[in-house]
Amino acid sequence: MIWGALSLVLSLAMLALGLAALAIFASSGPGEPGARLTASFLSGLFLSLAALGLLWGCVHLWSAFALYRGREWSRAVGVLLGILNLLLVPFGTALGAYALWVLTRSHARPTVAAPDG
């Protein structure tokens, strides 16, 4: 849950940077082609990263709430997210390794697969 919330906060910061780059693009005149090109490139980059980060954070929160509720499929989604997090050095690697360690232990299986009640 914490990793998903951090992803959402960082994505909102990226969104603010993208909107600031759009404001620079809108305020630059036609005689400043370098500033317009740079601002348009950066706004596209920041807004794309913000969209990916928002999606990444929402998927993590969705998976965390499903694990909390004991959904059968949530363990598989958590393991998949843990594997993908291994690529995000250094914090994602540590968190992904911990998630894999917790979700693949045999005593965690009955807890996660408990029926809704």
PDB file of N, CA and C in Angstrom:
ATOM      1  N   MET A   1       0.822  -1.194   0.000  1.00  0.00           N
ATOM      2  CA  MET A   1       0.000   0.000   0.000  1.00  0.00           C
ATOM      3  C   MET A   1       0.868   1.260   0.000  1.00  0.00           C
ATOM      4  N   ILE A   2       1.949   1.203   0.764  1.00  0.00           N
ATOM      5  CA  ILE A   2       2.829   2.369   0.856  1.00  0.00           C
ATOM      6  C   ILE A   2       3.491   2.649  -0.485  1.00  0.00           C
ATOM      7  N   TRP A   3       3.927   1.598  -1.171  1.00  0.00           N
ATOM      8  CA  TRP A   3       4.581   1.784  -2.472  1.00  0.00           C
ATOM      9  C   TRP A   3       3.605   2.385  -3.484  1.00  0.00           C
ATOM     10  N   GLY A   4       2.365   1.947  -3.451  1.00  0.00           N
ATOM     11  CA  GLY A   4       1.353   2.511  -4.342  1.00  0.00           C
ATOM     12  C   GLY A   4       1.077   3.969  -4.034  1.00  0.00           C
ATOM     13  N   ALA A   5       1.002   4.296  -2.736  1.00  0.00           N
ATOM     14  CA  ALA A   5       0.758   5.687  -2.349  1.00  0.00           C
ATOM     15  C   ALA A   5       1.941   6.576  -2.740  1.00  0.00           C
ATOM     16  N   LEU A   6       3.166   6.087  -2.545  1.00  0.00           N
ATOM     17  CA  LEU A   6       4.342   6.866  -2.955  1.00  0.00           C
ATOM     18  C   LEU A   6       4.365   7.071  -4.467  1.00  0.00           C
ATOM     19  N   SER A   7       3.986   6.058  -5.204  1.00  0.00           N
ATOM     20  CA  SER A   7       3.925   6.197  -6.666  1.00  0.00           C
ATOM     21  C   SER A   7       2.913   7.256  -7.077  1.00  0.00           C
ATOM     22  N   LEU A   8       1.779   7.286  -6.391  1.00  0.00           N
ATOM     23  CA  LEU A   8       0.769   8.301  -6.707  1.00  0.00           C
ATOM     24  C   LEU A   8       1.263   9.710  -6.386  1.00  0.00           C
ATOM     25  N   VAL A   9       1.947   9.870  -5.252  1.00  0.00           N
ATOM     26  CA  VAL A   9       2.466  11.196  -4.878  1.00  0.00           C
ATOM     27  C   VAL A   9       3.526  11.660  -5.880  1.00  0.00           C
ATOM     28  N   LEU A  10       4.434  10.764  -6.247  1.00  0.00           N
ATOM     29  CA  LEU A  10       5.467  11.128  -7.223  1.00  0.00           C
ATOM     30  C   LEU A  10       4.854  11.423  -8.589  1.00  0.00           C
ATOM     31  N   SER A  11       3.808  10.718  -8.935  1.00  0.00           N
ATOM     32  CA  SER A  11       3.143  10.971 -10.215  1.00  0.00           C
ATOM     33  C   SER A  11       2.449  12.325 -10.232  1.00  0.00           C
ATOM     34  N   LEU A  12       1.897  12.713  -9.100  1.00  0.00           N
ATOM     35  CA  LEU A  12       1.298  14.044  -9.029  1.00  0.00           C
ATOM     36  C   LEU A  12       2.358  15.136  -9.178  1.00  0.00           C
ATOM     37  N   ALA A  13       3.553  14.887  -8.645  1.00  0.00           N
ATOM     38  CA  ALA A  13       4.656  15.838  -8.836  1.00  0.00           C
ATOM     39  C   ALA A  13       5.059  15.904 -10.311  1.00  0.00           C
ATOM     40  N   MET A  14       5.108  14.760 -10.972  1.00  0.00           N
ATOM     41  CA  MET A  14       5.417  14.734 -12.409  1.00  0.00           C
ATOM     42  C   MET A  14       4.332  15.456 -13.207  1.00  0.00           C
ATOM     43  N   LEU A  15       3.100  15.289 -12.795  1.00  0.00           N
ATOM     44  CA  LEU A  15       2.002  15.985 -13.454  1.00  0.00           C
ATOM     45  C   LEU A  15       2.164  17.497 -13.325  1.00  0.00           C
ATOM     46  N   ALA A  16       2.567  17.960 -12.145  1.00  0.00           N
ATOM     47  CA  ALA A  16       2.796  19.392 -11.943  1.00  0.00           C
ATOM     48  C   ALA A  16       3.944  19.885 -12.823  1.00  0.00           C
ATOM     49  N   LEU A  17       5.001  19.086 -12.945  1.00  0.00           N
ATOM     50  CA  LEU A  17       6.115  19.477 -13.816  1.00  0.00           C
ATOM     51  C   LEU A  17       5.678  19.530 -15.277  1.00  0.00           C
ATOM     52  N   GLY A  18       4.860  18.574 -15.688  1.00  0.00           N
ATOM     53  CA  GLY A  18       4.358  18.580 -17.059  1.00  0.00           C
ATOM     54  C   GLY A  18       3.492  19.784 -17.348  1.00  0.00           C
ATOM     55  N   LEU A  19       2.644  20.145 -16.388  1.00  0.00           N
ATOM     56  CA  LEU A  19       1.806  21.335 -16.574  1.00  0.00           C
ATOM     57  C   LEU A  19       2.644  22.610 -16.578  1.00  0.00           C
ATOM     58  N   ALA A  20       3.710  22.647 -15.778  1.00  0.00           N
ATOM     59  CA  ALA A  20       4.609  23.808 -15.793  1.00  0.00           C
ATOM     60  C   ALA A  20       5.317  23.920 -17.141  1.00  0.00           C
ATOM     61  N   ALA A  21       5.733  22.791 -17.701  1.00  0.00           N
ATOM     62  CA  ALA A  21       6.370  22.817 -19.017  1.00  0.00           C
ATOM     63  C   ALA A  21       5.379  23.265 -20.091  1.00  0.00           C
ATOM     64  N   LEU A  22       4.111  22.859 -19.945  1.00  0.00           N
ATOM     65  CA  LEU A  22       3.093  23.344 -20.883  1.00  0.00           C
ATOM     66  C   LEU A  22       2.895  24.853 -20.766  1.00  0.00           C
ATOM     67  N   ALA A  23       2.975  25.379 -19.546  1.00  0.00           N
ATOM     68  CA  ALA A  23       2.843  26.826 -19.350  1.00  0.00           C
ATOM     69  C   ALA A  23       4.014  27.564 -19.991  1.00  0.00           C
ATOM     70  N   ILE A  24       5.210  26.997 -19.877  1.00  0.00           N
ATOM     71  CA  ILE A  24       6.377  27.609 -20.527  1.00  0.00           C
ATOM     72  C   ILE A  24       6.202  27.577 -22.037  1.00  0.00           C
ATOM     73  N   PHE A  25       5.693  26.461 -22.551  1.00  0.00           N
ATOM     74  CA  PHE A  25       5.455  26.345 -23.985  1.00  0.00           C
ATOM     75  C   PHE A  25       4.451  27.389 -24.462  1.00  0.00           C
ATOM     76  N   ALA A  26       3.392  27.582 -23.686  1.00  0.00           N
ATOM     77  CA  ALA A  26       2.355  28.543 -24.070  1.00  0.00           C
ATOM     78  C   ALA A  26       2.847  29.982 -23.974  1.00  0.00           C
ATOM     79  N   SER A  27       3.763  30.257 -23.050  1.00  0.00           N
ATOM     80  CA  SER A  27       4.212  31.635 -22.859  1.00  0.00           C
ATOM     81  C   SER A  27       5.368  32.026 -23.769  1.00  0.00           C
ATOM     82  N   SER A  28       6.044  31.051 -24.378  1.00  0.00           N
ATOM     83  CA  SER A  28       7.176  31.394 -25.244  1.00  0.00           C
ATOM     84  C   SER A  28       6.652  31.890 -26.593  1.00  0.00           C
ATOM     85  N   GLY A  29       7.323  32.865 -27.097  1.00  0.00           N
ATOM     86  CA  GLY A  29       6.908  33.470 -28.361  1.00  0.00           C
ATOM     87  C   GLY A  29       7.421  32.687 -29.547  1.00  0.00           C
ATOM     88  N   PRO A  30       6.983  33.086 -30.748  1.00  0.00           N
ATOM     89  CA  PRO A  30       7.413  32.377 -31.950  1.00  0.00           C
ATOM     90  C   PRO A  30       8.885  32.593 -32.269  1.00  0.00           C
ATOM     91  N   GLY A  31       9.507  33.612 -31.694  1.00  0.00           N
ATOM     92  CA  GLY A  31      10.926  33.866 -31.945  1.00  0.00           C
ATOM     93  C   GLY A  31      11.847  33.025 -31.082  1.00  0.00           C
ATOM     94  N   GLU A  32      11.290  32.148 -30.261  1.00  0.00           N
ATOM     95  CA  GLU A  32      12.099  31.302 -29.379  1.00  0.00           C
ATOM     96  C   GLU A  32      11.860  29.827 -29.706  1.00  0.00           C
ATOM     97  N   PRO A  33      12.378  29.355 -30.859  1.00  0.00           N
ATOM     98  CA  PRO A  33      12.080  27.971 -31.257  1.00  0.00           C
ATOM     99  C   PRO A  33      12.723  26.932 -30.334  1.00  0.00           C
ATOM    100  N   GLY A  34      13.871  27.220 -29.767  1.00  0.00           N
ATOM    101  CA  GLY A  34      14.524  26.269 -28.870  1.00  0.00           C
ATOM    102  C   GLY A  34      13.735  26.061 -27.590  1.00  0.00           C
ATOM    103  N   ALA A  35      13.203  27.150 -27.050  1.00  0.00           N
ATOM    104  CA  ALA A  35      12.420  27.053 -25.816  1.00  0.00           C
ATOM    105  C   ALA A  35      11.117  26.310 -26.068  1.00  0.00           C
ATOM    106  N   ARG A  36      10.501  26.558 -27.205  1.00  0.00           N
ATOM    107  CA  ARG A  36       9.243  25.874 -27.523  1.00  0.00           C
ATOM    108  C   ARG A  36       9.466  24.379 -27.720  1.00  0.00           C
ATOM    109  N   LEU A  37      10.525  24.022 -28.405  1.00  0.00           N
ATOM    110  CA  LEU A  37      10.819  22.608 -28.644  1.00  0.00           C
ATOM    111  C   LEU A  37      11.124  21.883 -27.332  1.00  0.00           C
ATOM    112  N   THR A  38      11.949  22.504 -26.512  1.00  0.00           N
ATOM    113  CA  THR A  38      12.302  21.892 -25.229  1.00  0.00           C
ATOM    114  C   THR A  38      11.085  21.778 -24.322  1.00  0.00           C
ATOM    115  N   ALA A  39      10.287  22.813 -24.239  1.00  0.00           N
ATOM    116  CA  ALA A  39       9.104  22.784 -23.384  1.00  0.00           C
ATOM    117  C   ALA A  39       8.089  21.757 -23.870  1.00  0.00           C
ATOM    118  N   SER A  40       7.913  21.638 -25.184  1.00  0.00           N
ATOM    119  CA  SER A  40       6.953  20.653 -25.690  1.00  0.00           C
ATOM    120  C   SER A  40       7.449  19.235 -25.435  1.00  0.00           C
ATOM    121  N   PHE A  41       8.748  18.993 -25.608  1.00  0.00           N
ATOM    122  CA  PHE A  41       9.320  17.674 -25.342  1.00  0.00           C
ATOM    123  C   PHE A  41       9.187  17.314 -23.865  1.00  0.00           C
ATOM    124  N   LEU A  42       9.559  18.255 -22.999  1.00  0.00           N
ATOM    125  CA  LEU A  42       9.499  17.985 -21.561  1.00  0.00           C
ATOM    126  C   LEU A  42       8.072  17.823 -21.065  1.00  0.00           C
ATOM    127  N   SER A  43       7.142  18.591 -21.587  1.00  0.00           N
ATOM    128  CA  SER A  43       5.759  18.435 -21.155  1.00  0.00           C
ATOM    129  C   SER A  43       5.238  17.055 -21.556  1.00  0.00           C
ATOM    130  N   GLY A  44       5.537  16.617 -22.753  1.00  0.00           N
ATOM    131  CA  GLY A  44       5.127  15.272 -23.171  1.00  0.00           C
ATOM    132  C   GLY A  44       5.772  14.188 -22.325  1.00  0.00           C
ATOM    133  N   LEU A  45       7.046  14.347 -22.020  1.00  0.00           N
ATOM    134  CA  LEU A  45       7.758  13.367 -21.197  1.00  0.00           C
ATOM    135  C   LEU A  45       7.180  13.306 -19.787  1.00  0.00           C
ATOM    136  N   PHE A  46       7.028  14.472 -19.152  1.00  0.00           N
ATOM    137  CA  PHE A  46       6.526  14.498 -17.776  1.00  0.00           C
ATOM    138  C   PHE A  46       5.081  14.008 -17.689  1.00  0.00           C
ATOM    139  N   LEU A  47       4.248  14.400 -18.636  1.00  0.00           N
ATOM    140  CA  LEU A  47       2.856  13.950 -18.598  1.00  0.00           C
ATOM    141  C   LEU A  47       2.742  12.450 -18.867  1.00  0.00           C
ATOM    142  N   SER A  48       3.588  11.907 -19.740  1.00  0.00           N
ATOM    143  CA  SER A  48       3.596  10.460 -19.977  1.00  0.00           C
ATOM    144  C   SER A  48       4.056   9.706 -18.733  1.00  0.00           C
ATOM    145  N   LEU A  49       5.128  10.197 -18.099  1.00  0.00           N
ATOM    146  CA  LEU A  49       5.605   9.563 -16.872  1.00  0.00           C
ATOM    147  C   LEU A  49       4.576   9.656 -15.754  1.00  0.00           C
ATOM    148  N   ALA A  50       3.866  10.765 -15.688  1.00  0.00           N
ATOM    149  CA  ALA A  50       2.816  10.917 -14.675  1.00  0.00           C
ATOM    150  C   ALA A  50       1.696   9.915 -14.911  1.00  0.00           C
ATOM    151  N   ALA A  51       1.291   9.722 -16.154  1.00  0.00           N
ATOM    152  CA  ALA A  51       0.228   8.762 -16.463  1.00  0.00           C
ATOM    153  C   ALA A  51       0.661   7.338 -16.113  1.00  0.00           C
ATOM    154  N   LEU A  52       1.891   6.983 -16.466  1.00  0.00           N
ATOM    155  CA  LEU A  52       2.397   5.650 -16.124  1.00  0.00           C
ATOM    156  C   LEU A  52       2.502   5.474 -14.613  1.00  0.00           C
ATOM    157  N   GLY A  53       2.950   6.494 -13.925  1.00  0.00           N
ATOM    158  CA  GLY A  53       3.074   6.416 -12.468  1.00  0.00           C
ATOM    159  C   GLY A  53       1.733   6.304 -11.772  1.00  0.00           C
ATOM    160  N   LEU A  54       0.745   7.031 -12.272  1.00  0.00           N
ATOM    161  CA  LEU A  54      -0.600   6.927 -11.699  1.00  0.00           C
ATOM    162  C   LEU A  54      -1.171   5.528 -11.907  1.00  0.00           C
ATOM    163  N   LEU A  55      -0.964   4.973 -13.082  1.00  0.00           N
ATOM    164  CA  LEU A  55      -1.413   3.618 -13.359  1.00  0.00           C
ATOM    165  C   LEU A  55      -0.692   2.618 -12.458  1.00  0.00           C
ATOM    166  N   TRP A  56       0.626   2.755 -12.327  1.00  0.00           N
ATOM    167  CA  TRP A  56       1.450   1.867 -11.502  1.00  0.00           C
ATOM    168  C   TRP A  56       1.006   1.927 -10.034  1.00  0.00           C
ATOM    169  N   GLY A  57       0.773   3.118  -9.530  1.00  0.00           N
ATOM    170  CA  GLY A  57       0.347   3.272  -8.145  1.00  0.00           C
ATOM    171  C   GLY A  57      -1.044   2.704  -7.908  1.00  0.00           C
ATOM    172  N   CYS A  58      -1.950   2.922  -8.858  1.00  0.00           N
ATOM    173  CA  CYS A  58      -3.312   2.396  -8.708  1.00  0.00           C
ATOM    174  C   CYS A  58      -3.331   0.869  -8.747  1.00  0.00           C
ATOM    175  N   VAL A  59      -2.506   0.272  -9.603  1.00  0.00           N
ATOM    176  CA  VAL A  59      -2.431  -1.193  -9.662  1.00  0.00           C
ATOM    177  C   VAL A  59      -1.883  -1.748  -8.350  1.00  0.00           C
ATOM    178  N   HIS A  60      -0.894  -1.075  -7.769  1.00  0.00           N
ATOM    179  CA  HIS A  60      -0.350  -1.523  -6.483  1.00  0.00           C
ATOM    180  C   HIS A  60      -1.390  -1.409  -5.370  1.00  0.00           C
ATOM    181  N   LEU A  61      -2.123  -0.322  -5.337  1.00  0.00           N
ATOM    182  CA  LEU A  61      -3.153  -0.175  -4.311  1.00  0.00           C
ATOM    183  C   LEU A  61      -4.277  -1.189  -4.502  1.00  0.00           C
ATOM    184  N   TRP A  62      -4.671  -1.419  -5.735  1.00  0.00           N
ATOM    185  CA  TRP A  62      -5.699  -2.403  -6.035  1.00  0.00           C
ATOM    186  C   TRP A  62      -5.253  -3.791  -5.576  1.00  0.00           C
ATOM    187  N   SER A  63      -4.003  -4.146  -5.871  1.00  0.00           N
ATOM    188  CA  SER A  63      -3.470  -5.445  -5.459  1.00  0.00           C
ATOM    189  C   SER A  63      -3.372  -5.543  -3.937  1.00  0.00           C
ATOM    190  N   ALA A  64      -2.960  -4.478  -3.284  1.00  0.00           N
ATOM    191  CA  ALA A  64      -2.823  -4.495  -1.829  1.00  0.00           C
ATOM    192  C   ALA A  64      -4.181  -4.671  -1.152  1.00  0.00           C
ATOM    193  N   PHE A  65      -5.202  -3.989  -1.630  1.00  0.00           N
ATOM    194  CA  PHE A  65      -6.532  -4.145  -1.044  1.00  0.00           C
ATOM    195  C   PHE A  65      -7.097  -5.544  -1.320  1.00  0.00           C
ATOM    196  N   ALA A  66      -6.793  -6.099  -2.491  1.00  0.00           N
ATOM    197  CA  ALA A  66      -7.240  -7.456  -2.793  1.00  0.00           C
ATOM    198  C   ALA A  66      -6.537  -8.468  -1.899  1.00  0.00           C
ATOM    199  N   LEU A  67      -5.248  -8.265  -1.634  1.00  0.00           N
ATOM    200  CA  LEU A  67      -4.534  -9.138  -0.697  1.00  0.00           C
ATOM    201  C   LEU A  67      -5.121  -9.027   0.701  1.00  0.00           C
ATOM    202  N   TYR A  68      -5.441  -7.835   1.099  1.00  0.00           N
ATOM    203  CA  TYR A  68      -6.020  -7.598   2.422  1.00  0.00           C
ATOM    204  C   TYR A  68      -7.365  -8.308   2.566  1.00  0.00           C
ATOM    205  N   ARG A  69      -8.133  -8.323   1.493  1.00  0.00           N
ATOM    206  CA  ARG A  69      -9.445  -8.970   1.530  1.00  0.00           C
ATOM    207  C   ARG A  69      -9.371 -10.473   1.317  1.00  0.00           C
ATOM    208  N   GLY A  70      -8.188 -10.999   0.988  1.00  0.00           N
ATOM    209  CA  GLY A  70      -8.005 -12.438   0.837  1.00  0.00           C
ATOM    210  C   GLY A  70      -8.480 -13.008  -0.483  1.00  0.00           C
ATOM    211  N   ARG A  71      -8.450 -12.232  -1.537  1.00  0.00           N
ATOM    212  CA  ARG A  71      -8.854 -12.731  -2.849  1.00  0.00           C
ATOM    213  C   ARG A  71      -7.844 -13.782  -3.319  1.00  0.00           C
ATOM    214  N   GLU A  72      -8.325 -14.823  -3.970  1.00  0.00           N
ATOM    215  CA  GLU A  72      -7.453 -15.925  -4.399  1.00  0.00           C
ATOM    216  C   GLU A  72      -6.417 -15.474  -5.427  1.00  0.00           C
ATOM    217  N   TRP A  73      -6.809 -14.641  -6.361  1.00  0.00           N
ATOM    218  CA  TRP A  73      -5.931 -14.218  -7.451  1.00  0.00           C
ATOM    219  C   TRP A  73      -4.940 -13.148  -7.023  1.00  0.00           C
ATOM    220  N   SER A  74      -5.139 -12.533  -5.879  1.00  0.00           N
ATOM    221  CA  SER A  74      -4.317 -11.391  -5.480  1.00  0.00           C
ATOM    222  C   SER A  74      -2.871 -11.776  -5.202  1.00  0.00           C
ATOM    223  N   ARG A  75      -2.650 -12.998  -4.756  1.00  0.00           N
ATOM    224  CA  ARG A  75      -1.288 -13.444  -4.491  1.00  0.00           C
ATOM    225  C   ARG A  75      -0.476 -13.503  -5.787  1.00  0.00           C
ATOM    226  N   ALA A  76      -1.076 -14.004  -6.853  1.00  0.00           N
ATOM    227  CA  ALA A  76      -0.395 -14.080  -8.151  1.00  0.00           C
ATOM    228  C   ALA A  76      -0.086 -12.683  -8.679  1.00  0.00           C
ATOM    229  N   VAL A  77      -1.032 -11.758  -8.529  1.00  0.00           N
ATOM    230  CA  VAL A  77      -0.800 -10.375  -8.965  1.00  0.00           C
ATOM    231  C   VAL A  77       0.311  -9.742  -8.126  1.00  0.00           C
ATOM    232  N   GLY A  78       0.315 -10.009  -6.818  1.00  0.00           N
ATOM    233  CA  GLY A  78       1.358  -9.478  -5.940  1.00  0.00           C
ATOM    234  C   GLY A  78       2.731 -10.008  -6.304  1.00  0.00           C
ATOM    235  N   VAL A  79       2.814 -11.287  -6.644  1.00  0.00           N
ATOM    236  CA  VAL A  79       4.099 -11.865  -7.067  1.00  0.00           C
ATOM    237  C   VAL A  79       4.554 -11.232  -8.374  1.00  0.00           C
ATOM    238  N   LEU A  80       3.644 -11.045  -9.314  1.00  0.00           N
ATOM    239  CA  LEU A  80       3.992 -10.399 -10.591  1.00  0.00           C
ATOM    240  C   LEU A  80       4.489  -8.971 -10.360  1.00  0.00           C
ATOM    241  N   LEU A  81       3.794  -8.213  -9.510  1.00  0.00           N
ATOM    242  CA  LEU A  81       4.236  -6.848  -9.212  1.00  0.00           C
ATOM    243  C   LEU A  81       5.577  -6.853  -8.489  1.00  0.00           C
ATOM    244  N   GLY A  82       5.794  -7.834  -7.615  1.00  0.00           N
ATOM    245  CA  GLY A  82       7.083  -7.950  -6.932  1.00  0.00           C
ATOM    246  C   GLY A  82       8.222  -8.192  -7.909  1.00  0.00           C
ATOM    247  N   ILE A  83       7.968  -9.031  -8.910  1.00  0.00           N
ATOM    248  CA  ILE A  83       8.997  -9.292  -9.927  1.00  0.00           C
ATOM    249  C   ILE A  83       9.275  -8.028 -10.733  1.00  0.00           C
ATOM    250  N   LEU A  84       8.227  -7.312 -11.116  1.00  0.00           N
ATOM    251  CA  LEU A  84       8.428  -6.069 -11.875  1.00  0.00           C
ATOM    252  C   LEU A  84       9.122  -5.002 -11.029  1.00  0.00           C
ATOM    253  N   ASN A  85       8.848  -4.976  -9.737  1.00  0.00           N
ATOM    254  CA  ASN A  85       9.491  -4.004  -8.855  1.00  0.00           C
ATOM    255  C   ASN A  85      10.985  -4.245  -8.705  1.00  0.00           C
ATOM    256  N   LEU A  86      11.433  -5.464  -8.948  1.00  0.00           N
ATOM    257  CA  LEU A  86      12.865  -5.757  -8.849  1.00  0.00           C
ATOM    258  C   LEU A  86      13.690  -4.894  -9.801  1.00  0.00           C
ATOM    259  N   LEU A  87      13.084  -4.432 -10.881  1.00  0.00           N
ATOM    260  CA  LEU A  87      13.795  -3.617 -11.872  1.00  0.00           C
ATOM    261  C   LEU A  87      13.961  -2.161 -11.443  1.00  0.00           C
ATOM    262  N   LEU A  88      13.228  -1.735 -10.417  1.00  0.00           N
ATOM    263  CA  LEU A  88      13.256  -0.330  -9.988  1.00  0.00           C
ATOM    264  C   LEU A  88      14.251  -0.156  -8.838  1.00  0.00           C
ATOM    265  N   VAL A  89      15.513   0.012  -9.211  1.00  0.00           N
ATOM    266  CA  VAL A  89      16.606   0.123  -8.240  1.00  0.00           C
ATOM    267  C   VAL A  89      16.552   1.474  -7.561  1.00  0.00           C
ATOM    268  N   PRO A  90      16.822   1.613  -6.308  1.00  0.00           N
ATOM    269  CA  PRO A  90      17.131   0.639  -5.262  1.00  0.00           C
ATOM    270  C   PRO A  90      15.907   0.259  -4.431  1.00  0.00           C
ATOM    271  N   PHE A  91      14.925   1.167  -4.308  1.00  0.00           N
ATOM    272  CA  PHE A  91      13.801   0.911  -3.401  1.00  0.00           C
ATOM    273  C   PHE A  91      12.874  -0.166  -3.931  1.00  0.00           C
ATOM    274  N   GLY A  92      12.614  -0.148  -5.224  1.00  0.00           N
ATOM    275  CA  GLY A  92      11.753  -1.164  -5.806  1.00  0.00           C
ATOM    276  C   GLY A  92      12.360  -2.550  -5.696  1.00  0.00           C
ATOM    277  N   THR A  93      13.694  -2.636  -5.802  1.00  0.00           N
ATOM    278  CA  THR A  93      14.363  -3.918  -5.668  1.00  0.00           C
ATOM    279  C   THR A  93      14.175  -4.480  -4.266  1.00  0.00           C
ATOM    280  N   ALA A  94      14.383  -3.637  -3.270  1.00  0.00           N
ATOM    281  CA  ALA A  94      14.212  -4.090  -1.890  1.00  0.00           C
ATOM    282  C   ALA A  94      12.759  -4.451  -1.613  1.00  0.00           C
ATOM    283  N   LEU A  95      11.840  -3.631  -2.064  1.00  0.00           N
ATOM    284  CA  LEU A  95      10.428  -3.899  -1.823  1.00  0.00           C
ATOM    285  C   LEU A  95       9.950  -5.113  -2.615  1.00  0.00           C
ATOM    286  N   GLY A  96      10.434  -5.268  -3.836  1.00  0.00           N
ATOM    287  CA  GLY A  96      10.067  -6.431  -4.635  1.00  0.00           C
ATOM    288  C   GLY A  96      10.597  -7.721  -4.039  1.00  0.00           C
ATOM    289  N   ALA A  97      11.834  -7.695  -3.556  1.00  0.00           N
ATOM    290  CA  ALA A  97      12.400  -8.885  -2.911  1.00  0.00           C
ATOM    291  C   ALA A  97      11.613  -9.236  -1.651  1.00  0.00           C
ATOM    292  N   TYR A  98      11.242  -8.238  -0.875  1.00  0.00           N
ATOM    293  CA  TYR A  98      10.455  -8.489   0.332  1.00  0.00           C
ATOM    294  C   TYR A  98       9.076  -9.033  -0.022  1.00  0.00           C
ATOM    295  N   ALA A  99       8.441  -8.468  -1.035  1.00  0.00           N
ATOM    296  CA  ALA A  99       7.123  -8.949  -1.452  1.00  0.00           C
ATOM    297  C   ALA A  99       7.200 -10.400  -1.919  1.00  0.00           C
ATOM    298  N   LEU A 100       8.229 -10.724  -2.690  1.00  0.00           N
ATOM    299  CA  LEU A 100       8.381 -12.109  -3.141  1.00  0.00           C
ATOM    300  C   LEU A 100       8.639 -13.044  -1.972  1.00  0.00           C
ATOM    301  N   TRP A 101       9.432 -12.595  -1.019  1.00  0.00           N
ATOM    302  CA  TRP A 101       9.732 -13.415   0.154  1.00  0.00           C
ATOM    303  C   TRP A 101       8.462 -13.691   0.955  1.00  0.00           C
ATOM    304  N   VAL A 102       7.662 -12.668   1.147  1.00  0.00           N
ATOM    305  CA  VAL A 102       6.433 -12.828   1.939  1.00  0.00           C
ATOM    306  C   VAL A 102       5.398 -13.650   1.181  1.00  0.00           C
ATOM    307  N   LEU A 103       5.199 -13.361  -0.090  1.00  0.00           N
ATOM    308  CA  LEU A 103       4.108 -13.995  -0.830  1.00  0.00           C
ATOM    309  C   LEU A 103       4.399 -15.419  -1.271  1.00  0.00           C
ATOM    310  N   THR A 104       5.664 -15.839  -1.277  1.00  0.00           N
ATOM    311  CA  THR A 104       5.986 -17.197  -1.704  1.00  0.00           C
ATOM    312  C   THR A 104       6.208 -18.148  -0.531  1.00  0.00           C
ATOM    313  N   ARG A 105       6.160 -17.654   0.680  1.00  0.00           N
ATOM    314  CA  ARG A 105       6.320 -18.533   1.845  1.00  0.00           C
ATOM    315  C   ARG A 105       5.073 -19.392   2.000  1.00  0.00           C
ATOM    316  N   SER A 106       5.271 -20.606   2.438  1.00  0.00           N
ATOM    317  CA  SER A 106       4.154 -21.552   2.517  1.00  0.00           C
ATOM    318  C   SER A 106       3.122 -21.158   3.569  1.00  0.00           C
ATOM    319  N   HIS A 107       3.539 -20.497   4.655  1.00  0.00           N
ATOM    320  CA  HIS A 107       2.560 -20.133   5.675  1.00  0.00           C
ATOM    321  C   HIS A 107       1.691 -18.938   5.261  1.00  0.00           C
ATOM    322  N   ALA A 108       2.082 -18.218   4.206  1.00  0.00           N
ATOM    323  CA  ALA A 108       1.287 -17.080   3.738  1.00  0.00           C
ATOM    324  C   ALA A 108       0.156 -17.533   2.823  1.00  0.00           C
ATOM    325  N   ARG A 109       0.260 -18.695   2.235  1.00  0.00           N
ATOM    326  CA  ARG A 109      -0.746 -19.147   1.267  1.00  0.00           C
ATOM    327  C   ARG A 109      -2.134 -19.296   1.879  1.00  0.00           C
ATOM    328  N   PRO A 110      -2.286 -19.953   3.023  1.00  0.00           N
ATOM    329  CA  PRO A 110      -3.649 -20.050   3.575  1.00  0.00           C
ATOM    330  C   PRO A 110      -4.213 -18.698   4.004  1.00  0.00           C
ATOM    331  N   THR A 111      -3.360 -17.799   4.443  1.00  0.00           N
ATOM    332  CA  THR A 111      -3.823 -16.491   4.886  1.00  0.00           C
ATOM    333  C   THR A 111      -4.374 -15.675   3.730  1.00  0.00           C
ATOM    334  N   VAL A 112      -3.658 -15.704   2.616  1.00  0.00           N
ATOM    335  CA  VAL A 112      -4.071 -14.929   1.452  1.00  0.00           C
ATOM    336  C   VAL A 112      -5.272 -15.572   0.781  1.00  0.00           C
ATOM    337  N   ALA A 113      -5.341 -16.875   0.755  1.00  0.00           N
ATOM    338  CA  ALA A 113      -6.413 -17.582   0.053  1.00  0.00           C
ATOM    339  C   ALA A 113      -7.632 -17.811   0.941  1.00  0.00           C
ATOM    340  N   ALA A 114      -7.720 -17.126   2.073  1.00  0.00           N
ATOM    341  CA  ALA A 114      -8.870 -17.322   2.959  1.00  0.00           C
ATOM    342  C   ALA A 114     -10.136 -16.821   2.274  1.00  0.00           C
ATOM    343  N   PRO A 115     -11.255 -17.527   2.465  1.00  0.00           N
ATOM    344  CA  PRO A 115     -12.503 -17.093   1.824  1.00  0.00           C
ATOM    345  C   PRO A 115     -13.020 -15.810   2.463  1.00  0.00           C
ATOM    346  N   ASP A 116     -13.783 -15.082   1.658  1.00  0.00           N
ATOM    347  CA  ASP A 116     -14.388 -13.847   2.170  1.00  0.00           C
ATOM    348  C   ASP A 116     -15.465 -14.210   3.182  1.00  0.00           C
ATOM    349  N   GLY A 117     -15.539 -13.414   4.223  1.00  0.00           N
ATOM    350  CA  GLY A 117     -16.536 -13.757   5.226  1.00  0.00           C
ATOM    351  C   GLY A 117     -17.106 -12.620   5.876  1.00  0.00           C
TER     352      GLY A 117
END
